[in-house]
Amino acid sequence: MQATGRMLRRKLGMARSKKIVLLDRYTYSNIAYQCAKIDDQKAQDKLMKWILKLEFDHFAIPQPDLTCSLMSVLFYRKETQVGPVRQ
């Protein structure tokens, strides 16, 4: 974990800082959730900009220096309802 902390400080330009703050994904997950309801790309962009302005300008929540998005595939199935997962 110490090596990861040093790497993050270097990436964020925080070589002298001893503190790293990791926050939740609230704003960006909110954007994804709300924009997924809209089919029109221009409307999605407009909504995204509105949410960013609301959160970071109006409410003045801290903006992240770095955002990491992890892509994962969900393999979840209740075997009792639909049978075993086939490979």
C-alpha atoms as a PDB file:
ATOM      1  CA  MET A   1       0.000   0.000   0.000  1.00  0.00           C
ATOM      2  CA  GLN A   2       2.885   2.401   0.645  1.00  0.00           C
ATOM      3  CA  ALA A   3       4.159   1.947  -2.924  1.00  0.00           C
ATOM      4  CA  THR A   4       0.679   2.722  -4.239  1.00  0.00           C
ATOM      5  CA  GLY A   5       0.525   5.862  -2.105  1.00  0.00           C
ATOM      6  CA  ARG A   6       3.902   7.062  -3.412  1.00  0.00           C
ATOM      7  CA  MET A   7       2.814   6.405  -6.992  1.00  0.00           C
ATOM      8  CA  LEU A   8      -0.412   8.364  -6.492  1.00  0.00           C
ATOM      9  CA  ARG A   9       1.432  11.289  -4.914  1.00  0.00           C
ATOM     10  CA  ARG A  10       3.812  11.425  -7.897  1.00  0.00           C
ATOM     11  CA  LYS A  11       0.932  11.237 -10.381  1.00  0.00           C
ATOM     12  CA  LEU A  12      -0.942  13.973  -8.568  1.00  0.00           C
ATOM     13  CA  GLY A  13       2.118  16.176  -8.086  1.00  0.00           C
ATOM     14  CA  MET A  14       1.940  15.688  -4.327  1.00  0.00           C
ATOM     15  CA  ALA A  15       5.514  14.481  -3.737  1.00  0.00           C
ATOM     16  CA  ARG A  16       5.876  16.510  -0.523  1.00  0.00           C
ATOM     17  CA  SER A  17       2.400  15.829   0.797  1.00  0.00           C
ATOM     18  CA  LYS A  18       1.831  13.035   3.256  1.00  0.00           C
ATOM     19  CA  LYS A  19      -1.923  12.938   2.686  1.00  0.00           C
ATOM     20  CA  ILE A  20      -4.077  11.367   0.017  1.00  0.00           C
ATOM     21  CA  VAL A  21      -7.834  11.735   0.080  1.00  0.00           C
ATOM     22  CA  LEU A  22      -9.895   9.138  -1.738  1.00  0.00           C
ATOM     23  CA  LEU A  23     -13.523  10.028  -2.293  1.00  0.00           C
ATOM     24  CA  ASP A  24     -16.548   8.216  -3.579  1.00  0.00           C
ATOM     25  CA  ARG A  25     -17.796   8.350  -7.134  1.00  0.00           C
ATOM     26  CA  TYR A  26     -20.966  10.309  -6.423  1.00  0.00           C
ATOM     27  CA  THR A  27     -20.864  13.029  -9.093  1.00  0.00           C
ATOM     28  CA  TYR A  28     -19.723  10.864 -11.978  1.00  0.00           C
ATOM     29  CA  SER A  29     -22.025   7.960 -11.168  1.00  0.00           C
ATOM     30  CA  ASN A  30     -24.873  10.481 -10.936  1.00  0.00           C
ATOM     31  CA  ILE A  31     -24.001  11.761 -14.422  1.00  0.00           C
ATOM     32  CA  ALA A  32     -23.873   8.231 -15.840  1.00  0.00           C
ATOM     33  CA  TYR A  33     -27.151   7.224 -14.187  1.00  0.00           C
ATOM     34  CA  GLN A  34     -29.053  10.330 -15.271  1.00  0.00           C
ATOM     35  CA  CYS A  35     -27.660  10.472 -18.822  1.00  0.00           C
ATOM     36  CA  ALA A  36     -28.405   6.776 -19.414  1.00  0.00           C
ATOM     37  CA  LYS A  37     -32.094   7.687 -19.293  1.00  0.00           C
ATOM     38  CA  ILE A  38     -31.730   9.995 -22.319  1.00  0.00           C
ATOM     39  CA  ASP A  39     -31.244   8.810 -25.906  1.00  0.00           C
ATOM     40  CA  ASP A  40     -30.228  12.133 -27.468  1.00  0.00           C
ATOM     41  CA  GLN A  41     -26.447  12.784 -27.281  1.00  0.00           C
ATOM     42  CA  LYS A  42     -26.830  16.580 -27.221  1.00  0.00           C
ATOM     43  CA  ALA A  43     -29.297  16.343 -24.351  1.00  0.00           C
ATOM     44  CA  GLN A  44     -26.895  14.030 -22.497  1.00  0.00           C
ATOM     45  CA  ASP A  45     -24.049  16.521 -22.947  1.00  0.00           C
ATOM     46  CA  LYS A  46     -26.250  19.384 -21.751  1.00  0.00           C
ATOM     47  CA  LEU A  47     -27.317  17.427 -18.663  1.00  0.00           C
ATOM     48  CA  MET A  48     -23.733  16.378 -17.909  1.00  0.00           C
ATOM     49  CA  LYS A  49     -22.544  19.994 -18.047  1.00  0.00           C
ATOM     50  CA  TRP A  50     -25.443  21.084 -15.849  1.00  0.00           C
ATOM     51  CA  ILE A  51     -24.664  18.433 -13.207  1.00  0.00           C
ATOM     52  CA  LEU A  52     -20.945  19.315 -13.217  1.00  0.00           C
ATOM     53  CA  LYS A  53     -21.724  23.017 -12.821  1.00  0.00           C
ATOM     54  CA  LEU A  54     -24.238  22.305 -10.062  1.00  0.00           C
ATOM     55  CA  GLU A  55     -21.904  20.069  -8.068  1.00  0.00           C
ATOM     56  CA  PHE A  56     -18.577  21.848  -8.521  1.00  0.00           C
ATOM     57  CA  ASP A  57     -19.601  25.491  -8.970  1.00  0.00           C
ATOM     58  CA  HIS A  58     -22.880  25.908  -7.069  1.00  0.00           C
ATOM     59  CA  PHE A  59     -22.314  23.396  -4.238  1.00  0.00           C
ATOM     60  CA  ALA A  60     -18.511  23.867  -4.411  1.00  0.00           C
ATOM     61  CA  ILE A  61     -17.661  20.269  -3.678  1.00  0.00           C
ATOM     62  CA  PRO A  62     -13.955  19.520  -4.217  1.00  0.00           C
ATOM     63  CA  GLN A  63     -13.064  18.544  -7.774  1.00  0.00           C
ATOM     64  CA  PRO A  64     -10.980  15.394  -8.129  1.00  0.00           C
ATOM     65  CA  ASP A  65      -7.384  15.617  -9.321  1.00  0.00           C
ATOM     66  CA  LEU A  66      -7.665  12.135 -10.729  1.00  0.00           C
ATOM     67  CA  THR A  67     -10.631   9.953 -11.622  1.00  0.00           C
ATOM     68  CA  CYS A  68     -10.219   6.220 -12.177  1.00  0.00           C
ATOM     69  CA  SER A  69     -12.945   4.256 -13.893  1.00  0.00           C
ATOM     70  CA  LEU A  70     -12.838   0.518 -13.459  1.00  0.00           C
ATOM     71  CA  MET A  71     -14.515  -1.539 -16.114  1.00  0.00           C
ATOM     72  CA  SER A  72     -15.886  -4.875 -15.001  1.00  0.00           C
ATOM     73  CA  VAL A  73     -18.203  -7.478 -16.360  1.00  0.00           C
ATOM     74  CA  LEU A  74     -20.939  -8.659 -14.087  1.00  0.00           C
ATOM     75  CA  PHE A  75     -21.488 -12.407 -13.949  1.00  0.00           C
ATOM     76  CA  TYR A  76     -24.297 -12.790 -11.469  1.00  0.00           C
ATOM     77  CA  ARG A  77     -26.961 -15.399 -11.657  1.00  0.00           C
ATOM     78  CA  LYS A  78     -29.035 -17.225  -9.124  1.00  0.00           C
ATOM     79  CA  GLU A  79     -28.526 -20.866  -9.977  1.00  0.00           C
ATOM     80  CA  THR A  80     -31.718 -21.808  -8.177  1.00  0.00           C
ATOM     81  CA  GLN A  81     -33.796 -19.681 -10.564  1.00  0.00           C
ATOM     82  CA  VAL A  82     -32.208 -20.158 -13.978  1.00  0.00           C
ATOM     83  CA  GLY A  83     -29.809 -23.069 -13.670  1.00  0.00           C
ATOM     84  CA  PRO A  84     -26.014 -23.191 -13.534  1.00  0.00           C
ATOM     85  CA  VAL A  85     -23.817 -20.834 -15.554  1.00  0.00           C
ATOM     86  CA  ARG A  86     -22.353 -22.554 -18.621  1.00  0.00           C
ATOM     87  CA  GLN A  87     -18.799 -21.810 -19.669  1.00  0.00           C
END
